[in-house]
């Protein structure tokens, strides 16, 4: 898993805004992201340890410890889902 920080996510955020991939909820903190470039689907998972947030994707960029736009797309949905959970709790 790759630690998510403001510094290492900026480039992927811009790419995600451009490509706007589709995200599907799979399970708690697990998402399927359909590539904006083809029909490939990548599983993205998140974890929180203390105050640190981590993410992983099955794509080649993530294998090289890079933050990909798939992680950012799924993170956007994850943040929204987590905020809804807090509101109903």
C-alpha atoms as a PDB file:
ATOM      1  CA  UNK A   1       0.000   0.000   0.000  1.00  0.00           C
ATOM      2  CA  UNK A   2       1.146   3.508  -0.791  1.00  0.00           C
ATOM      3  CA  UNK A   3       0.843   6.328   1.728  1.00  0.00           C
ATOM      4  CA  UNK A   4      -1.405   9.071   0.326  1.00  0.00           C
ATOM      5  CA  UNK A   5      -0.173  12.624   0.840  1.00  0.00           C
ATOM      6  CA  UNK A   6      -1.002  16.010  -0.638  1.00  0.00           C
ATOM      7  CA  UNK A   7       2.368  16.038  -2.372  1.00  0.00           C
ATOM      8  CA  UNK A   8       2.179  12.657  -4.080  1.00  0.00           C
ATOM      9  CA  UNK A   9      -1.441  12.922  -5.248  1.00  0.00           C
ATOM     10  CA  UNK A  10      -1.467  16.263  -7.106  1.00  0.00           C
ATOM     11  CA  UNK A  11      -0.481  14.939 -10.525  1.00  0.00           C
ATOM     12  CA  UNK A  12      -2.950  12.042 -10.310  1.00  0.00           C
ATOM     13  CA  UNK A  13      -5.725  14.438  -9.258  1.00  0.00           C
ATOM     14  CA  UNK A  14      -5.223  16.502 -12.408  1.00  0.00           C
ATOM     15  CA  UNK A  15      -5.201  13.377 -14.568  1.00  0.00           C
ATOM     16  CA  UNK A  16      -8.344  12.091 -12.882  1.00  0.00           C
ATOM     17  CA  UNK A  17     -10.128  15.398 -13.527  1.00  0.00           C
ATOM     18  CA  UNK A  18      -9.236  15.092 -17.208  1.00  0.00           C
ATOM     19  CA  UNK A  19     -10.175  11.451 -17.701  1.00  0.00           C
ATOM     20  CA  UNK A  20     -13.128  11.071 -15.296  1.00  0.00           C
ATOM     21  CA  UNK A  21     -13.069   7.275 -14.908  1.00  0.00           C
ATOM     22  CA  UNK A  22     -16.077   5.303 -13.649  1.00  0.00           C
ATOM     23  CA  UNK A  23     -15.985   3.972 -10.100  1.00  0.00           C
ATOM     24  CA  UNK A  24     -18.046   1.144  -8.681  1.00  0.00           C
ATOM     25  CA  UNK A  25     -18.337   0.268  -4.977  1.00  0.00           C
ATOM     26  CA  UNK A  26     -17.344  -3.349  -4.243  1.00  0.00           C
ATOM     27  CA  UNK A  27     -17.052  -3.578  -0.459  1.00  0.00           C
ATOM     28  CA  UNK A  28     -16.010  -1.373   2.440  1.00  0.00           C
ATOM     29  CA  UNK A  29     -12.978   0.630   1.216  1.00  0.00           C
ATOM     30  CA  UNK A  30     -12.728  -1.489  -1.948  1.00  0.00           C
ATOM     31  CA  UNK A  31     -13.683  -0.163  -5.375  1.00  0.00           C
ATOM     32  CA  UNK A  32     -13.538  -1.154  -9.013  1.00  0.00           C
ATOM     33  CA  UNK A  33     -12.337   1.597 -11.351  1.00  0.00           C
ATOM     34  CA  UNK A  34     -12.836   1.302 -15.089  1.00  0.00           C
ATOM     35  CA  UNK A  35      -9.962   2.818 -17.026  1.00  0.00           C
ATOM     36  CA  UNK A  36     -10.747   5.943 -19.003  1.00  0.00           C
ATOM     37  CA  UNK A  37      -8.457   4.744 -21.818  1.00  0.00           C
ATOM     38  CA  UNK A  38      -9.868   1.237 -22.381  1.00  0.00           C
ATOM     39  CA  UNK A  39     -12.191  -1.333 -20.807  1.00  0.00           C
ATOM     40  CA  UNK A  40      -9.702  -2.496 -18.174  1.00  0.00           C
ATOM     41  CA  UNK A  41     -10.991  -2.593 -14.628  1.00  0.00           C
ATOM     42  CA  UNK A  42      -8.733  -2.168 -11.606  1.00  0.00           C
ATOM     43  CA  UNK A  43      -9.445  -2.994  -7.981  1.00  0.00           C
ATOM     44  CA  UNK A  44      -8.514  -0.193  -5.587  1.00  0.00           C
ATOM     45  CA  UNK A  45      -8.321  -0.671  -1.813  1.00  0.00           C
ATOM     46  CA  UNK A  46      -7.834   1.774   1.032  1.00  0.00           C
ATOM     47  CA  UNK A  47      -6.648   1.525   4.609  1.00  0.00           C
ATOM     48  CA  UNK A  48      -6.234   3.995   7.456  1.00  0.00           C
ATOM     49  CA  UNK A  49      -3.535   3.471  10.075  1.00  0.00           C
ATOM     50  CA  UNK A  50      -3.621   6.084  12.794  1.00  0.00           C
ATOM     51  CA  UNK A  51      -3.945   9.379  10.932  1.00  0.00           C
ATOM     52  CA  UNK A  52      -2.263   8.087   7.770  1.00  0.00           C
ATOM     53  CA  UNK A  53      -4.185   7.042   4.669  1.00  0.00           C
ATOM     54  CA  UNK A  54      -3.011   4.341   2.273  1.00  0.00           C
ATOM     55  CA  UNK A  55      -4.199   3.113  -1.098  1.00  0.00           C
ATOM     56  CA  UNK A  56      -3.344   0.423  -3.605  1.00  0.00           C
ATOM     57  CA  UNK A  57      -4.368  -0.333  -7.160  1.00  0.00           C
ATOM     58  CA  UNK A  58      -3.738  -3.251  -9.496  1.00  0.00           C
ATOM     59  CA  UNK A  59      -2.431  -1.053 -12.343  1.00  0.00           C
ATOM     60  CA  UNK A  60       1.193  -0.800 -13.506  1.00  0.00           C
ATOM     61  CA  UNK A  61       1.711   2.675 -12.021  1.00  0.00           C
ATOM     62  CA  UNK A  62       0.713   1.510  -8.561  1.00  0.00           C
ATOM     63  CA  UNK A  63       3.023  -1.504  -8.892  1.00  0.00           C
ATOM     64  CA  UNK A  64       5.839   1.045  -9.203  1.00  0.00           C
ATOM     65  CA  UNK A  65       4.651   2.783  -5.988  1.00  0.00           C
ATOM     66  CA  UNK A  66       3.116   5.673  -7.935  1.00  0.00           C
ATOM     67  CA  UNK A  67      -0.272   7.186  -7.167  1.00  0.00           C
ATOM     68  CA  UNK A  68      -2.520   6.589 -10.172  1.00  0.00           C
ATOM     69  CA  UNK A  69      -5.708   8.327 -11.207  1.00  0.00           C
ATOM     70  CA  UNK A  70      -7.626   5.126 -10.372  1.00  0.00           C
ATOM     71  CA  UNK A  71      -6.726   5.598  -6.694  1.00  0.00           C
ATOM     72  CA  UNK A  72      -7.813   9.248  -6.810  1.00  0.00           C
ATOM     73  CA  UNK A  73     -11.133   8.401  -8.477  1.00  0.00           C
ATOM     74  CA  UNK A  74     -11.872   5.711  -5.905  1.00  0.00           C
ATOM     75  CA  UNK A  75     -10.690   7.968  -3.059  1.00  0.00           C
ATOM     76  CA  UNK A  76     -13.242  10.583  -4.074  1.00  0.00           C
ATOM     77  CA  UNK A  77     -16.048   8.035  -3.800  1.00  0.00           C
ATOM     78  CA  UNK A  78     -14.579   6.576  -0.602  1.00  0.00           C
ATOM     79  CA  UNK A  79     -14.419  10.002   1.071  1.00  0.00           C
ATOM     80  CA  UNK A  80     -18.036  10.639   0.118  1.00  0.00           C
ATOM     81  CA  UNK A  81     -19.171   7.221   1.440  1.00  0.00           C
ATOM     82  CA  UNK A  82     -17.259   7.668   4.692  1.00  0.00           C
ATOM     83  CA  UNK A  83     -18.793  11.125   5.232  1.00  0.00           C
ATOM     84  CA  UNK A  84     -22.288   9.671   4.726  1.00  0.00           C
ATOM     85  CA  UNK A  85     -21.545   6.976   7.291  1.00  0.00           C
ATOM     86  CA  UNK A  86     -20.464   9.606   9.830  1.00  0.00           C
ATOM     87  CA  UNK A  87     -23.633  11.634   9.224  1.00  0.00           C
ATOM     88  CA  UNK A  88     -25.913   8.672   9.882  1.00  0.00           C
ATOM     89  CA  UNK A  89     -24.004   7.413  12.907  1.00  0.00           C
END
